Structures are given as structure tokens and as C-alpha cells.
Amino acid sequence: MLLMNRRTSALMTLGGLAAAILAFALFGPVYAGIVALATLCFAAFGTSVIGNTTILVTKPVDPEVVRRYREEHPGATISEAASVVARKKLAPPR
């Protein structure tokens, strides 16, 4: 569900930029500025597209364990998997 919100937010931002360019071509710079300002406000105060996963890792994390975690949990990002692996200290593969 979170992925859908991020995807929708990204598409709305891109659509707003396209609408600003179209408004500039059809109506002039004033209307394009209004649409661009609305798009900028939506992008700044809306749902984050990238995310904000905090990784608190004090020692190196084995990339194979991170890869295995991501295979077991489809949809997990690399930063989320590294964070979980660092907290759980999963055993490396044999």
C-alpha cells in the first residue's frame, strides 16, 4: 500500500509539471506559475517519494544476508533490509 502512495505521489508531481508546461504554452507564464507553485507545494508537503529509512549500522552488514532477506520479503528496499539485518544479526548463508 505504501508503494502505491509513493507511486501516486510521483505521478501527481510529474503530471503537475507537465500541466505547467502545457499551461505556459496555452495561457502564458502567469497560469504556468500558478500550476508550478501548486505542484511545488504538493511535492514539498505531500507523501515522500523516496522514503526516510534510517539505518543505524555500527559494523559492516553482509550483502548476501541482505540479498537473502530481500528474496524472502519481496518489496523490501535495500535500506530497509540492511536495517533489519543489522538489528537482527541474521546468520550468514552456509
N, C-alpha and C. Protein backbone atom coordinates (compact mmCIF):
# COMPACT_ATOMS: atom_id res chain seq x y z
N MET A 1 0.82 -1.19 0.00
CA MET A 1 0.00 0.00 0.00
C MET A 1 0.86 1.26 0.00
N LEU A 2 1.97 1.21 0.72
CA LEU A 2 2.86 2.36 0.78
C LEU A 2 3.46 2.64 -0.59
N LEU A 3 3.78 1.57 -1.34
CA LEU A 3 4.33 1.74 -2.67
C LEU A 3 3.34 2.45 -3.57
N MET A 4 2.06 2.14 -3.44
CA MET A 4 1.05 2.79 -4.25
C MET A 4 0.96 4.27 -3.92
N ASN A 5 1.08 4.63 -2.66
CA ASN A 5 1.04 6.04 -2.29
C ASN A 5 2.25 6.79 -2.85
N ARG A 6 3.41 6.17 -2.78
CA ARG A 6 4.61 6.80 -3.34
C ARG A 6 4.50 6.94 -4.84
N ARG A 7 4.00 5.88 -5.50
CA ARG A 7 3.86 5.93 -6.95
C ARG A 7 2.85 7.00 -7.35
N THR A 8 1.74 7.08 -6.64
CA THR A 8 0.72 8.09 -6.93
C THR A 8 1.28 9.49 -6.73
N SER A 9 2.03 9.69 -5.68
CA SER A 9 2.62 11.00 -5.41
C SER A 9 3.60 11.39 -6.52
N ALA A 10 4.40 10.45 -6.96
CA ALA A 10 5.36 10.73 -8.04
C ALA A 10 4.63 11.06 -9.34
N LEU A 11 3.57 10.31 -9.63
CA LEU A 11 2.82 10.57 -10.86
C LEU A 11 2.09 11.91 -10.81
N MET A 12 1.59 12.27 -9.63
CA MET A 12 0.93 13.58 -9.49
C MET A 12 1.93 14.71 -9.70
N THR A 13 3.13 14.56 -9.18
CA THR A 13 4.15 15.59 -9.34
C THR A 13 4.55 15.73 -10.81
N LEU A 14 4.77 14.60 -11.48
CA LEU A 14 5.11 14.66 -12.90
C LEU A 14 3.96 15.23 -13.73
N GLY A 15 2.74 14.87 -13.37
CA GLY A 15 1.57 15.42 -14.07
C GLY A 15 1.45 16.92 -13.86
N GLY A 16 1.77 17.39 -12.66
CA GLY A 16 1.74 18.83 -12.39
C GLY A 16 2.78 19.59 -13.21
N LEU A 17 3.96 19.00 -13.33
CA LEU A 17 4.99 19.64 -14.16
C LEU A 17 4.59 19.68 -15.62
N ALA A 18 4.00 18.60 -16.10
CA ALA A 18 3.51 18.58 -17.49
C ALA A 18 2.39 19.60 -17.68
N ALA A 19 1.51 19.72 -16.69
CA ALA A 19 0.43 20.70 -16.78
C ALA A 19 0.97 22.12 -16.77
N ALA A 20 2.05 22.37 -16.02
CA ALA A 20 2.65 23.70 -16.01
C ALA A 20 3.24 24.05 -17.37
N ILE A 21 3.87 23.09 -18.00
CA ILE A 21 4.43 23.33 -19.34
C ILE A 21 3.30 23.57 -20.34
N LEU A 22 2.25 22.80 -20.25
CA LEU A 22 1.11 22.97 -21.14
C LEU A 22 0.42 24.32 -20.89
N ALA A 23 0.30 24.70 -19.62
CA ALA A 23 -0.32 25.99 -19.30
C ALA A 23 0.53 27.14 -19.82
N PHE A 24 1.84 26.98 -19.79
CA PHE A 24 2.71 28.03 -20.33
C PHE A 24 2.50 28.18 -21.83
N ALA A 25 2.38 27.05 -22.52
CA ALA A 25 2.20 27.11 -23.97
C ALA A 25 0.83 27.65 -24.35
N LEU A 26 -0.20 27.34 -23.57
CA LEU A 26 -1.56 27.74 -23.94
C LEU A 26 -1.99 29.08 -23.35
N PHE A 27 -1.63 29.35 -22.08
CA PHE A 27 -2.18 30.51 -21.39
C PHE A 27 -1.16 31.56 -20.97
N GLY A 28 0.13 31.21 -20.99
CA GLY A 28 1.15 32.18 -20.63
C GLY A 28 1.80 31.88 -19.29
N PRO A 29 2.75 32.74 -18.91
CA PRO A 29 3.56 32.45 -17.73
C PRO A 29 2.83 32.59 -16.40
N VAL A 30 1.79 33.40 -16.32
CA VAL A 30 1.10 33.58 -15.05
C VAL A 30 0.40 32.28 -14.62
N TYR A 31 -0.37 31.69 -15.52
CA TYR A 31 -1.06 30.45 -15.19
C TYR A 31 -0.08 29.29 -15.00
N ALA A 32 0.99 29.28 -15.80
CA ALA A 32 2.01 28.25 -15.63
C ALA A 32 2.68 28.37 -14.27
N GLY A 33 2.90 29.60 -13.82
CA GLY A 33 3.49 29.80 -12.49
C GLY A 33 2.57 29.33 -11.38
N ILE A 34 1.28 29.56 -11.54
CA ILE A 34 0.31 29.12 -10.53
C ILE A 34 0.30 27.59 -10.44
N VAL A 35 0.28 26.93 -11.60
CA VAL A 35 0.28 25.46 -11.62
C VAL A 35 1.60 24.93 -11.07
N ALA A 36 2.71 25.56 -11.44
CA ALA A 36 4.02 25.13 -10.94
C ALA A 36 4.12 25.32 -9.43
N LEU A 37 3.59 26.41 -8.90
CA LEU A 37 3.62 26.65 -7.46
C LEU A 37 2.77 25.62 -6.73
N ALA A 38 1.60 25.30 -7.28
CA ALA A 38 0.77 24.27 -6.66
C ALA A 38 1.47 22.91 -6.68
N THR A 39 2.14 22.60 -7.77
CA THR A 39 2.88 21.34 -7.86
C THR A 39 4.03 21.31 -6.88
N LEU A 40 4.73 22.42 -6.74
CA LEU A 40 5.84 22.51 -5.80
C LEU A 40 5.35 22.32 -4.36
N CYS A 41 4.24 22.93 -4.01
CA CYS A 41 3.67 22.76 -2.67
C CYS A 41 3.25 21.32 -2.43
N PHE A 42 2.65 20.69 -3.43
CA PHE A 42 2.25 19.29 -3.30
C PHE A 42 3.47 18.40 -3.09
N ALA A 43 4.52 18.65 -3.87
CA ALA A 43 5.73 17.82 -3.77
C ALA A 43 6.45 18.05 -2.44
N ALA A 44 6.45 19.27 -1.95
CA ALA A 44 7.17 19.58 -0.72
C ALA A 44 6.45 19.07 0.52
N PHE A 45 5.13 19.17 0.54
CA PHE A 45 4.38 18.84 1.75
C PHE A 45 3.58 17.54 1.64
N GLY A 46 3.66 16.86 0.51
CA GLY A 46 2.92 15.63 0.31
C GLY A 46 3.70 14.41 0.78
N THR A 47 3.27 13.24 0.34
CA THR A 47 3.92 11.99 0.68
C THR A 47 5.30 11.92 0.05
N SER A 48 6.27 11.48 0.81
CA SER A 48 7.63 11.37 0.30
C SER A 48 7.70 10.29 -0.76
N VAL A 49 8.37 10.58 -1.86
CA VAL A 49 8.51 9.63 -2.94
C VAL A 49 9.65 8.66 -2.64
N ILE A 50 10.71 9.17 -2.05
CA ILE A 50 11.91 8.37 -1.82
C ILE A 50 11.82 7.57 -0.53
N GLY A 51 11.34 8.14 0.53
CA GLY A 51 11.27 7.45 1.80
C GLY A 51 12.29 8.02 2.78
N ASN A 52 12.22 7.56 4.00
CA ASN A 52 13.13 8.09 5.01
C ASN A 52 13.56 6.99 5.97
N THR A 53 14.06 5.89 5.43
CA THR A 53 14.52 4.79 6.26
C THR A 53 15.85 5.16 6.89
N THR A 54 15.90 5.10 8.20
CA THR A 54 17.13 5.41 8.91
C THR A 54 17.89 4.11 9.16
N ILE A 55 19.15 4.12 8.80
CA ILE A 55 19.99 2.95 9.02
C ILE A 55 21.00 3.29 10.10
N LEU A 56 20.95 2.54 11.18
CA LEU A 56 21.91 2.71 12.26
C LEU A 56 22.78 1.46 12.30
N VAL A 57 23.82 1.46 11.49
CA VAL A 57 24.71 0.31 11.40
C VAL A 57 26.07 0.71 11.93
N THR A 58 26.55 -0.03 12.92
CA THR A 58 27.85 0.28 13.50
C THR A 58 28.96 -0.59 12.93
N LYS A 59 28.58 -1.72 12.33
CA LYS A 59 29.58 -2.59 11.70
C LYS A 59 29.07 -3.00 10.33
N PRO A 60 29.94 -3.48 9.47
CA PRO A 60 29.52 -3.85 8.11
C PRO A 60 28.47 -4.96 8.13
N VAL A 61 27.56 -4.88 7.17
CA VAL A 61 26.50 -5.87 7.02
C VAL A 61 26.83 -6.72 5.81
N ASP A 62 26.65 -8.04 5.95
CA ASP A 62 26.94 -8.97 4.87
C ASP A 62 25.93 -8.78 3.74
N PRO A 63 26.37 -8.46 2.52
CA PRO A 63 25.44 -8.24 1.42
C PRO A 63 24.64 -9.49 1.05
N GLU A 64 25.21 -10.67 1.26
CA GLU A 64 24.48 -11.91 0.96
C GLU A 64 23.27 -12.06 1.88
N VAL A 65 23.42 -11.68 3.14
CA VAL A 65 22.31 -11.78 4.09
C VAL A 65 21.23 -10.76 3.71
N VAL A 66 21.64 -9.58 3.28
CA VAL A 66 20.68 -8.56 2.85
C VAL A 66 19.93 -9.06 1.61
N ARG A 67 20.66 -9.65 0.67
CA ARG A 67 20.02 -10.18 -0.54
C ARG A 67 19.03 -11.29 -0.19
N ARG A 68 19.42 -12.18 0.72
CA ARG A 68 18.53 -13.27 1.13
C ARG A 68 17.27 -12.72 1.81
N TYR A 69 17.45 -11.69 2.64
CA TYR A 69 16.29 -11.08 3.30
C TYR A 69 15.33 -10.49 2.27
N ARG A 70 15.90 -9.82 1.26
CA ARG A 70 15.05 -9.21 0.23
C ARG A 70 14.35 -10.27 -0.61
N GLU A 71 14.97 -11.41 -0.82
CA GLU A 71 14.31 -12.51 -1.55
C GLU A 71 13.16 -13.08 -0.73
N GLU A 72 13.35 -13.16 0.59
CA GLU A 72 12.30 -13.69 1.46
C GLU A 72 11.18 -12.68 1.68
N HIS A 73 11.47 -11.39 1.54
CA HIS A 73 10.49 -10.33 1.76
C HIS A 73 10.42 -9.44 0.52
N PRO A 74 9.66 -9.85 -0.50
CA PRO A 74 9.56 -9.04 -1.71
C PRO A 74 8.97 -7.66 -1.39
N GLY A 75 9.51 -6.66 -2.02
CA GLY A 75 9.04 -5.30 -1.79
C GLY A 75 9.86 -4.53 -0.78
N ALA A 76 10.74 -5.22 -0.05
CA ALA A 76 11.61 -4.53 0.91
C ALA A 76 12.73 -3.83 0.16
N THR A 77 13.02 -2.60 0.55
CA THR A 77 14.11 -1.87 -0.08
C THR A 77 15.44 -2.33 0.51
N ILE A 78 16.52 -1.94 -0.15
CA ILE A 78 17.85 -2.32 0.33
C ILE A 78 18.12 -1.70 1.70
N SER A 79 17.74 -0.45 1.87
CA SER A 79 18.00 0.21 3.16
C SER A 79 17.17 -0.42 4.28
N GLU A 80 15.93 -0.79 3.98
CA GLU A 80 15.11 -1.46 5.00
C GLU A 80 15.70 -2.82 5.36
N ALA A 81 16.14 -3.58 4.34
CA ALA A 81 16.72 -4.89 4.60
C ALA A 81 18.01 -4.77 5.39
N ALA A 82 18.86 -3.80 5.06
CA ALA A 82 20.11 -3.61 5.80
C ALA A 82 19.83 -3.23 7.24
N SER A 83 18.82 -2.42 7.45
CA SER A 83 18.47 -2.03 8.81
C SER A 83 17.99 -3.22 9.62
N VAL A 84 17.14 -4.05 9.02
CA VAL A 84 16.64 -5.23 9.72
C VAL A 84 17.76 -6.22 9.99
N VAL A 85 18.62 -6.43 9.01
CA VAL A 85 19.73 -7.36 9.17
C VAL A 85 20.67 -6.88 10.27
N ALA A 86 20.92 -5.59 10.31
CA ALA A 86 21.81 -5.06 11.34
C ALA A 86 21.20 -5.21 12.73
N ARG A 87 19.89 -5.07 12.83
CA ARG A 87 19.23 -5.22 14.14
C ARG A 87 19.12 -6.67 14.57
N LYS A 88 18.77 -7.55 13.63
CA LYS A 88 18.54 -8.95 13.98
C LYS A 88 19.82 -9.77 14.01
N LYS A 89 20.83 -9.31 13.30
CA LYS A 89 22.09 -10.05 13.18
C LYS A 89 21.82 -11.46 12.68
N LEU A 90 21.19 -11.52 11.49
CA LEU A 90 20.86 -12.82 10.89
C LEU A 90 22.14 -13.57 10.55
N ALA A 91 22.06 -14.88 10.62
CA ALA A 91 23.21 -15.71 10.33
C ALA A 91 23.51 -15.68 8.84
N PRO A 92 24.81 -15.67 8.46
CA PRO A 92 25.15 -15.68 7.03
C PRO A 92 24.81 -17.04 6.43
N PRO A 93 24.60 -17.08 5.09
CA PRO A 93 24.27 -18.35 4.44
C PRO A 93 25.44 -19.32 4.49
N ARG A 94 25.15 -20.62 4.45
CA ARG A 94 26.21 -21.64 4.53
C ARG A 94 26.74 -21.98 3.18
